Protein backbone atom coordinates (compact mmCIF):
# COMPACT_ATOMS: atom_id res chain seq x y z
CA UNK A 1 0.00 0.00 0.00
CA UNK A 2 2.81 2.38 0.86
CA UNK A 3 4.47 1.61 -2.47
CA UNK A 4 1.39 2.76 -4.41
CA UNK A 5 1.25 6.01 -2.43
CA UNK A 6 4.96 6.68 -3.06
CA UNK A 7 4.55 6.01 -6.79
CA UNK A 8 1.56 8.38 -6.95
CA UNK A 9 3.45 11.07 -5.01
CA UNK A 10 6.22 10.90 -7.62
CA UNK A 11 4.05 10.42 -10.75
CA UNK A 12 1.56 13.26 -10.21
CA UNK A 13 4.12 16.11 -9.87
CA UNK A 14 6.23 14.66 -12.70
CA UNK A 15 3.20 14.57 -14.99
CA UNK A 16 2.25 18.12 -14.00
CA UNK A 17 5.77 19.39 -14.76
CA UNK A 18 5.80 17.57 -18.13
CA UNK A 19 2.43 19.09 -19.12
CA UNK A 20 3.59 22.60 -18.13
CA UNK A 21 6.80 22.23 -20.17
CA UNK A 22 4.80 21.13 -23.23
CA UNK A 23 2.40 24.06 -22.78
CA UNK A 24 5.19 26.65 -22.52
CA UNK A 25 7.00 25.19 -25.53
CA UNK A 26 3.82 25.48 -27.57
CA UNK A 27 3.34 29.12 -26.49
CA UNK A 28 6.96 30.09 -27.30
CA UNK A 29 6.85 29.04 -30.96
CA UNK A 30 7.23 31.90 -33.42
CA UNK A 31 4.73 32.15 -36.23
CA UNK A 32 6.40 32.50 -39.67
CA UNK A 33 8.80 35.18 -38.52
CA UNK A 34 12.11 34.13 -40.04
CA UNK A 35 11.42 32.64 -43.40
CA UNK A 36 13.99 32.71 -46.21
CA UNK A 37 13.64 35.39 -48.85
CA UNK A 38 11.99 34.43 -52.11
CA UNK A 39 13.09 35.67 -55.53
CA UNK A 40 10.56 38.53 -55.42
CA UNK A 41 12.00 39.94 -52.19
CA UNK A 42 15.57 39.64 -53.48
CA UNK A 43 14.72 41.55 -56.68
CA UNK A 44 13.40 44.43 -54.57
CA UNK A 45 16.81 44.92 -52.91
CA UNK A 46 18.94 48.05 -52.93
CA UNK A 47 21.36 48.43 -55.84
CA UNK A 48 24.07 51.01 -56.55
CA UNK A 49 25.43 52.53 -59.75
CA UNK A 50 28.79 51.04 -60.76
CA UNK A 51 30.08 54.40 -62.03
CA UNK A 52 29.01 57.04 -59.47
CA UNK A 53 27.73 54.99 -56.51
CA UNK A 54 24.22 56.47 -56.57
CA UNK A 55 21.54 54.31 -54.90
CA UNK A 56 19.19 52.90 -57.57
CA UNK A 57 15.63 51.66 -57.38
CA UNK A 58 15.16 47.95 -58.07
CA UNK A 59 13.30 48.63 -61.32
CA UNK A 60 15.64 51.36 -62.64
CA UNK A 61 17.41 50.67 -65.93
CA UNK A 62 19.63 53.78 -65.92
CA UNK A 63 21.31 55.80 -63.18
CA UNK A 64 19.41 59.09 -62.64
CA UNK A 65 22.68 60.98 -61.93
CA UNK A 66 25.16 59.86 -64.58
CA UNK A 67 22.94 57.92 -67.03
CA UNK A 68 24.92 54.68 -66.85
CA UNK A 69 22.94 51.59 -67.80
CA UNK A 70 22.79 48.87 -65.15
CA UNK A 71 25.07 45.95 -65.91
CA UNK A 72 22.46 43.31 -65.23
CA UNK A 73 18.72 43.59 -64.89
CA UNK A 74 17.16 40.61 -63.10
CA UNK A 75 14.18 39.20 -64.93
CA UNK A 76 10.95 39.91 -63.13
CA UNK A 77 8.51 37.03 -62.69
PDB file of N, CA and C in Angstrom:
ATOM      1  N   UNK A   1       0.822  -1.199   0.000  1.00  0.00           N
ATOM      2  CA  UNK A   1       0.000   0.000   0.000  1.00  0.00           C
ATOM      3  C   UNK A   1       0.860   1.256   0.000  1.00  0.00           C
ATOM      4  N   UNK A   2       1.924   1.225   0.810  1.00  0.00           N
ATOM      5  CA  UNK A   2       2.813   2.385   0.863  1.00  0.00           C
ATOM      6  C   UNK A   2       3.524   2.604  -0.473  1.00  0.00           C
ATOM      7  N   UNK A   3       3.799   1.514  -1.174  1.00  0.00           N
ATOM      8  CA  UNK A   3       4.472   1.614  -2.472  1.00  0.00           C
ATOM      9  C   UNK A   3       3.601   2.347  -3.491  1.00  0.00           C
ATOM     10  N   UNK A   4       2.312   2.090  -3.490  1.00  0.00           N
ATOM     11  CA  UNK A   4       1.388   2.763  -4.411  1.00  0.00           C
ATOM     12  C   UNK A   4       1.321   4.252  -4.097  1.00  0.00           C
ATOM     13  N   UNK A   5       1.298   4.593  -2.832  1.00  0.00           N
ATOM     14  CA  UNK A   5       1.252   6.007  -2.432  1.00  0.00           C
ATOM     15  C   UNK A   5       2.540   6.717  -2.846  1.00  0.00           C
ATOM     16  N   UNK A   6       3.678   6.075  -2.675  1.00  0.00           N
ATOM     17  CA  UNK A   6       4.964   6.678  -3.061  1.00  0.00           C
ATOM     18  C   UNK A   6       5.017   6.883  -4.574  1.00  0.00           C
ATOM     19  N   UNK A   7       4.563   5.892  -5.331  1.00  0.00           N
ATOM     20  CA  UNK A   7       4.550   6.012  -6.793  1.00  0.00           C
ATOM     21  C   UNK A   7       3.642   7.151  -7.222  1.00  0.00           C
ATOM     22  N   UNK A   8       2.475   7.294  -6.601  1.00  0.00           N
ATOM     23  CA  UNK A   8       1.561   8.382  -6.946  1.00  0.00           C
ATOM     24  C   UNK A   8       2.139   9.737  -6.555  1.00  0.00           C
ATOM     25  N   UNK A   9       2.843   9.805  -5.427  1.00  0.00           N
ATOM     26  CA  UNK A   9       3.453  11.066  -5.009  1.00  0.00           C
ATOM     27  C   UNK A   9       4.561  11.505  -5.969  1.00  0.00           C
ATOM     28  N   UNK A  10       5.184  10.564  -6.638  1.00  0.00           N
ATOM     29  CA  UNK A  10       6.220  10.899  -7.622  1.00  0.00           C
ATOM     30  C   UNK A  10       5.599  11.143  -8.998  1.00  0.00           C
ATOM     31  N   UNK A  11       4.611  10.354  -9.394  1.00  0.00           N
ATOM     32  CA  UNK A  11       4.049  10.419 -10.745  1.00  0.00           C
ATOM     33  C   UNK A  11       3.217  11.673 -10.978  1.00  0.00           C
ATOM     34  N   UNK A  12       2.434  12.097 -10.005  1.00  0.00           N
ATOM     35  CA  UNK A  12       1.556  13.260 -10.207  1.00  0.00           C
ATOM     36  C   UNK A  12       2.359  14.545 -10.426  1.00  0.00           C
ATOM     37  N   UNK A  13       3.342  14.883  -9.585  1.00  0.00           N
ATOM     38  CA  UNK A  13       4.118  16.109  -9.874  1.00  0.00           C
ATOM     39  C   UNK A  13       4.938  16.006 -11.163  1.00  0.00           C
ATOM     40  N   UNK A  14       5.456  14.821 -11.466  1.00  0.00           N
ATOM     41  CA  UNK A  14       6.234  14.656 -12.698  1.00  0.00           C
ATOM     42  C   UNK A  14       5.348  14.878 -13.920  1.00  0.00           C
ATOM     43  N   UNK A  15       4.136  14.371 -13.885  1.00  0.00           N
ATOM     44  CA  UNK A  15       3.196  14.575 -14.988  1.00  0.00           C
ATOM     45  C   UNK A  15       2.816  16.042 -15.114  1.00  0.00           C
ATOM     46  N   UNK A  16       2.595  16.704 -13.993  1.00  0.00           N
ATOM     47  CA  UNK A  16       2.250  18.124 -14.004  1.00  0.00           C
ATOM     48  C   UNK A  16       3.387  18.962 -14.595  1.00  0.00           C
ATOM     49  N   UNK A  17       4.615  18.664 -14.218  1.00  0.00           N
ATOM     50  CA  UNK A  17       5.770  19.391 -14.761  1.00  0.00           C
ATOM     51  C   UNK A  17       5.892  19.139 -16.262  1.00  0.00           C
ATOM     52  N   UNK A  18       5.706  17.909 -16.704  1.00  0.00           N
ATOM     53  CA  UNK A  18       5.796  17.572 -18.127  1.00  0.00           C
ATOM     54  C   UNK A  18       4.740  18.319 -18.938  1.00  0.00           C
ATOM     55  N   UNK A  19       3.513  18.385 -18.425  1.00  0.00           N
ATOM     56  CA  UNK A  19       2.434  19.092 -19.119  1.00  0.00           C
ATOM     57  C   UNK A  19       2.739  20.584 -19.192  1.00  0.00           C
ATOM     58  N   UNK A  20       3.256  21.172 -18.122  1.00  0.00           N
ATOM     59  CA  UNK A  20       3.594  22.598 -18.134  1.00  0.00           C
ATOM     60  C   UNK A  20       4.716  22.904 -19.126  1.00  0.00           C
ATOM     61  N   UNK A  21       5.710  22.031 -19.205  1.00  0.00           N
ATOM     62  CA  UNK A  21       6.801  22.232 -20.169  1.00  0.00           C
ATOM     63  C   UNK A  21       6.257  22.179 -21.593  1.00  0.00           C
ATOM     64  N   UNK A  22       5.398  21.223 -21.890  1.00  0.00           N
ATOM     65  CA  UNK A  22       4.799  21.130 -23.228  1.00  0.00           C
ATOM     66  C   UNK A  22       3.972  22.369 -23.545  1.00  0.00           C
ATOM     67  N   UNK A  23       3.235  22.879 -22.568  1.00  0.00           N
ATOM     68  CA  UNK A  23       2.403  24.060 -22.778  1.00  0.00           C
ATOM     69  C   UNK A  23       3.259  25.287 -23.071  1.00  0.00           C
ATOM     70  N   UNK A  24       4.329  25.490 -22.293  1.00  0.00           N
ATOM     71  CA  UNK A  24       5.192  26.652 -22.519  1.00  0.00           C
ATOM     72  C   UNK A  24       5.942  26.551 -23.838  1.00  0.00           C
ATOM     73  N   UNK A  25       6.340  25.356 -24.235  1.00  0.00           N
ATOM     74  CA  UNK A  25       7.004  25.193 -25.532  1.00  0.00           C
ATOM     75  C   UNK A  25       6.058  25.529 -26.675  1.00  0.00           C
ATOM     76  N   UNK A  26       4.801  25.184 -26.532  1.00  0.00           N
ATOM     77  CA  UNK A  26       3.822  25.483 -27.571  1.00  0.00           C
ATOM     78  C   UNK A  26       3.566  26.987 -27.649  1.00  0.00           C
ATOM     79  N   UNK A  27       3.585  27.674 -26.506  1.00  0.00           N
ATOM     80  CA  UNK A  27       3.341  29.117 -26.494  1.00  0.00           C
ATOM     81  C   UNK A  27       4.537  29.910 -27.020  1.00  0.00           C
ATOM     82  N   UNK A  28       5.753  29.369 -26.892  1.00  0.00           N
ATOM     83  CA  UNK A  28       6.958  30.093 -27.297  1.00  0.00           C
ATOM     84  C   UNK A  28       7.249  30.020 -28.789  1.00  0.00           C
ATOM     85  N   UNK A  29       6.561  29.186 -29.534  1.00  0.00           N
ATOM     86  CA  UNK A  29       6.853  29.040 -30.962  1.00  0.00           C
ATOM     87  C   UNK A  29       6.540  30.326 -31.705  1.00  0.00           C
ATOM     88  N   UNK A  30       7.426  30.697 -32.608  1.00  0.00           N
ATOM     89  CA  UNK A  30       7.230  31.897 -33.416  1.00  0.00           C
ATOM     90  C   UNK A  30       6.447  31.528 -34.667  1.00  0.00           C
ATOM     91  N   UNK A  31       5.588  32.430 -35.091  1.00  0.00           N
ATOM     92  CA  UNK A  31       4.729  32.155 -36.234  1.00  0.00           C
ATOM     93  C   UNK A  31       5.276  32.826 -37.486  1.00  0.00           C
ATOM     94  N   UNK A  32       5.933  32.068 -38.350  1.00  0.00           N
ATOM     95  CA  UNK A  32       6.397  32.505 -39.672  1.00  0.00           C
ATOM     96  C   UNK A  32       7.179  33.804 -39.617  1.00  0.00           C
ATOM     97  N   UNK A  33       8.052  33.948 -38.634  1.00  0.00           N
ATOM     98  CA  UNK A  33       8.805  35.185 -38.516  1.00  0.00           C
ATOM     99  C   UNK A  33      10.050  35.200 -39.382  1.00  0.00           C
ATOM    100  N   UNK A  34      10.835  34.157 -39.325  1.00  0.00           N
ATOM    101  CA  UNK A  34      12.106  34.131 -40.038  1.00  0.00           C
ATOM    102  C   UNK A  34      12.052  33.118 -41.166  1.00  0.00           C
ATOM    103  N   UNK A  35      11.456  33.525 -42.251  1.00  0.00           N
ATOM    104  CA  UNK A  35      11.419  32.638 -43.404  1.00  0.00           C
ATOM    105  C   UNK A  35      12.437  33.139 -44.423  1.00  0.00           C
ATOM    106  N   UNK A  36      13.010  32.257 -45.223  1.00  0.00           N
ATOM    107  CA  UNK A  36      13.989  32.709 -46.214  1.00  0.00           C
ATOM    108  C   UNK A  36      13.346  33.588 -47.279  1.00  0.00           C
ATOM    109  N   UNK A  37      14.148  34.479 -47.825  1.00  0.00           N
ATOM    110  CA  UNK A  37      13.644  35.394 -48.845  1.00  0.00           C
ATOM    111  C   UNK A  37      13.389  34.656 -50.151  1.00  0.00           C
ATOM    112  N   UNK A  38      12.293  34.983 -50.797  1.00  0.00           N
ATOM    113  CA  UNK A  38      11.989  34.434 -52.108  1.00  0.00           C
ATOM    114  C   UNK A  38      12.613  35.310 -53.182  1.00  0.00           C
ATOM    115  N   UNK A  39      12.481  34.926 -54.434  1.00  0.00           N
ATOM    116  CA  UNK A  39      13.092  35.672 -55.534  1.00  0.00           C
ATOM    117  C   UNK A  39      12.476  37.054 -55.669  1.00  0.00           C
ATOM    118  N   UNK A  40      11.206  37.222 -55.318  1.00  0.00           N
ATOM    119  CA  UNK A  40      10.561  38.533 -55.422  1.00  0.00           C
ATOM    120  C   UNK A  40      11.165  39.509 -54.426  1.00  0.00           C
ATOM    121  N   UNK A  41      11.419  39.059 -53.193  1.00  0.00           N
ATOM    122  CA  UNK A  41      12.000  39.935 -52.189  1.00  0.00           C
ATOM    123  C   UNK A  41      13.448  40.288 -52.524  1.00  0.00           C
ATOM    124  N   UNK A  42      14.186  39.362 -53.125  1.00  0.00           N
ATOM    125  CA  UNK A  42      15.575  39.642 -53.482  1.00  0.00           C
ATOM    126  C   UNK A  42      15.637  40.677 -54.598  1.00  0.00           C
ATOM    127  N   UNK A  43      14.724  40.593 -55.572  1.00  0.00           N
ATOM    128  CA  UNK A  43      14.718  41.545 -56.680  1.00  0.00           C
ATOM    129  C   UNK A  43      14.376  42.957 -56.228  1.00  0.00           C
ATOM    130  N   UNK A  44      13.753  43.113 -55.076  1.00  0.00           N
ATOM    131  CA  UNK A  44      13.405  44.434 -54.573  1.00  0.00           C
ATOM    132  C   UNK A  44      14.536  45.050 -53.753  1.00  0.00           C
ATOM    133  N   UNK A  45      15.702  44.443 -53.724  1.00  0.00           N
ATOM    134  CA  UNK A  45      16.815  44.918 -52.913  1.00  0.00           C
ATOM    135  C   UNK A  45      17.419  46.210 -53.418  1.00  0.00           C
ATOM    136  N   UNK A  46      18.281  46.785 -52.590  1.00  0.00           N
ATOM    137  CA  UNK A  46      18.936  48.047 -52.927  1.00  0.00           C
ATOM    138  C   UNK A  46      20.121  47.761 -53.840  1.00  0.00           C
ATOM    139  N   UNK A  47      20.249  48.561 -54.908  1.00  0.00           N
ATOM    140  CA  UNK A  47      21.365  48.427 -55.836  1.00  0.00           C
ATOM    141  C   UNK A  47      22.029  49.785 -55.995  1.00  0.00           C
ATOM    142  N   UNK A  48      23.300  49.782 -56.394  1.00  0.00           N
ATOM    143  CA  UNK A  48      24.071  51.010 -56.554  1.00  0.00           C
ATOM    144  C   UNK A  48      24.661  51.077 -57.957  1.00  0.00           C
ATOM    145  N   UNK A  49      24.830  52.303 -58.452  1.00  0.00           N
ATOM    146  CA  UNK A  49      25.433  52.529 -59.754  1.00  0.00           C
ATOM    147  C   UNK A  49      26.906  52.139 -59.689  1.00  0.00           C
ATOM    148  N   UNK A  50      27.391  51.469 -60.743  1.00  0.00           N
ATOM    149  CA  UNK A  50      28.790  51.044 -60.763  1.00  0.00           C
ATOM    150  C   UNK A  50      29.733  52.194 -61.085  1.00  0.00           C
ATOM    151  N   UNK A  51      29.227  53.271 -61.634  1.00  0.00           N
ATOM    152  CA  UNK A  51      30.082  54.396 -62.031  1.00  0.00           C
ATOM    153  C   UNK A  51      30.172  55.477 -60.953  1.00  0.00           C
ATOM    154  N   UNK A  52      28.998  55.914 -60.414  1.00  0.00           N
ATOM    155  CA  UNK A  52      29.015  57.037 -59.469  1.00  0.00           C
ATOM    156  C   UNK A  52      28.613  56.643 -58.053  1.00  0.00           C
ATOM    157  N   UNK A  53      28.101  55.444 -57.843  1.00  0.00           N
ATOM    158  CA  UNK A  53      27.734  54.990 -56.505  1.00  0.00           C
ATOM    159  C   UNK A  53      26.364  55.437 -56.034  1.00  0.00           C
ATOM    160  N   UNK A  54      25.563  56.013 -56.923  1.00  0.00           N
ATOM    161  CA  UNK A  54      24.216  56.468 -56.570  1.00  0.00           C
ATOM    162  C   UNK A  54      23.318  55.265 -56.272  1.00  0.00           C
ATOM    163  N   UNK A  55      22.488  55.377 -55.224  1.00  0.00           N
ATOM    164  CA  UNK A  55      21.542  54.312 -54.901  1.00  0.00           C
ATOM    165  C   UNK A  55      20.451  54.278 -55.966  1.00  0.00           C
ATOM    166  N   UNK A  56      20.165  53.074 -56.492  1.00  0.00           N
ATOM    167  CA  UNK A  56      19.189  52.904 -57.566  1.00  0.00           C
ATOM    168  C   UNK A  56      17.966  52.152 -57.065  1.00  0.00           C
ATOM    169  N   UNK A  57      16.829  52.446 -57.653  1.00  0.00           N
ATOM    170  CA  UNK A  57      15.631  51.659 -57.377  1.00  0.00           C
ATOM    171  C   UNK A  57      15.784  50.292 -58.032  1.00  0.00           C
ATOM    172  N   UNK A  58      15.036  49.314 -57.544  1.00  0.00           N
ATOM    173  CA  UNK A  58      15.165  47.954 -58.073  1.00  0.00           C
ATOM    174  C   UNK A  58      14.727  47.859 -59.524  1.00  0.00           C
ATOM    175  N   UNK A  59      13.792  48.710 -59.949  1.00  0.00           N
ATOM    176  CA  UNK A  59      13.297  48.628 -61.322  1.00  0.00           C
ATOM    177  C   UNK A  59      13.953  49.635 -62.261  1.00  0.00           C
ATOM    178  N   UNK A  60      14.972  50.356 -61.800  1.00  0.00           N
ATOM    179  CA  UNK A  60      15.636  51.359 -62.637  1.00  0.00           C
ATOM    180  C   UNK A  60      16.531  50.679 -63.668  1.00  0.00           C
ATOM    181  N   UNK A  61      16.523  51.203 -64.889  1.00  0.00           N
ATOM    182  CA  UNK A  61      17.408  50.674 -65.929  1.00  0.00           C
ATOM    183  C   UNK A  61      18.647  51.541 -66.092  1.00  0.00           C
ATOM    184  N   UNK A  62      18.518  52.847 -65.786  1.00  0.00           N
ATOM    185  CA  UNK A  62      19.628  53.781 -65.919  1.00  0.00           C
ATOM    186  C   UNK A  62      19.803  54.540 -64.613  1.00  0.00           C
ATOM    187  N   UNK A  63      21.024  54.974 -64.354  1.00  0.00           N
ATOM    188  CA  UNK A  63      21.310  55.798 -63.181  1.00  0.00           C
ATOM    189  C   UNK A  63      20.732  57.197 -63.407  1.00  0.00           C
ATOM    190  N   UNK A  64      19.984  57.756 -62.450  1.00  0.00           N
ATOM    191  CA  UNK A  64      19.409  59.088 -62.645  1.00  0.00           C
ATOM    192  C   UNK A  64      20.452  60.201 -62.591  1.00  0.00           C
ATOM    193  N   UNK A  65      21.649  59.945 -62.060  1.00  0.00           N
ATOM    194  CA  UNK A  65      22.679  60.982 -61.929  1.00  0.00           C
ATOM    195  C   UNK A  65      23.589  61.013 -63.151  1.00  0.00           C
ATOM    196  N   UNK A  66      24.179  59.865 -63.499  1.00  0.00           N
ATOM    197  CA  UNK A  66      25.163  59.858 -64.585  1.00  0.00           C
ATOM    198  C   UNK A  66      24.652  59.199 -65.864  1.00  0.00           C
ATOM    199  N   UNK A  67      23.513  58.520 -65.826  1.00  0.00           N
ATOM    200  CA  UNK A  67      22.936  57.922 -67.027  1.00  0.00           C
ATOM    201  C   UNK A  67      23.503  56.571 -67.399  1.00  0.00           C
ATOM    202  N   UNK A  68      24.329  55.983 -66.559  1.00  0.00           N
ATOM    203  CA  UNK A  68      24.916  54.682 -66.854  1.00  0.00           C
ATOM    204  C   UNK A  68      23.845  53.598 -66.797  1.00  0.00           C
ATOM    205  N   UNK A  69      23.885  52.707 -67.790  1.00  0.00           N
ATOM    206  CA  UNK A  69      22.943  51.591 -67.801  1.00  0.00           C
ATOM    207  C   UNK A  69      23.402  50.541 -66.793  1.00  0.00           C
ATOM    208  N   UNK A  70      22.436  49.922 -66.101  1.00  0.00           N
ATOM    209  CA  UNK A  70      22.793  48.872 -65.147  1.00  0.00           C
ATOM    210  C   UNK A  70      23.411  47.701 -65.896  1.00  0.00           C
ATOM    211  N   UNK A  71      24.375  47.056 -65.260  1.00  0.00           N
ATOM    212  CA  UNK A  71      25.071  45.952 -65.914  1.00  0.00           C
ATOM    213  C   UNK A  71      24.174  44.734 -66.084  1.00  0.00           C
ATOM    214  N   UNK A  72      23.359  44.455 -65.098  1.00  0.00           N
ATOM    215  CA  UNK A  72      22.461  43.312 -65.226  1.00  0.00           C
ATOM    216  C   UNK A  72      21.114  43.686 -64.642  1.00  0.00           C
ATOM    217  N   UNK A  73      20.082  43.380 -65.361  1.00  0.00           N
ATOM    218  CA  UNK A  73      18.716  43.587 -64.890  1.00  0.00           C
ATOM    219  C   UNK A  73      18.110  42.223 -64.619  1.00  0.00           C
ATOM    220  N   UNK A  74      17.782  41.911 -63.366  1.00  0.00           N
ATOM    221  CA  UNK A  74      17.161  40.611 -63.103  1.00  0.00           C
ATOM    222  C   UNK A  74      15.788  40.542 -63.745  1.00  0.00           C
ATOM    223  N   UNK A  75      15.485  39.373 -64.297  1.00  0.00           N
ATOM    224  CA  UNK A  75      14.182  39.201 -64.930  1.00  0.00           C
ATOM    225  C   UNK A  75      13.111  39.165 -63.856  1.00  0.00           C
ATOM    226  N   UNK A  76      12.039  39.871 -64.097  1.00  0.00           N
ATOM    227  CA  UNK A  76      10.948  39.908 -63.127  1.00  0.00           C
ATOM    228  C   UNK A  76       9.949  38.816 -63.461  1.00  0.00           C
ATOM    229  N   UNK A  77       9.458  38.130 -62.435  1.00  0.00           N
ATOM    230  CA  UNK A  77       8.511  37.028 -62.686  1.00  0.00           C
ATOM    231  C   UNK A  77       7.164  37.530 -63.148  1.00  0.00           C
TER     232      UNK A  77
END
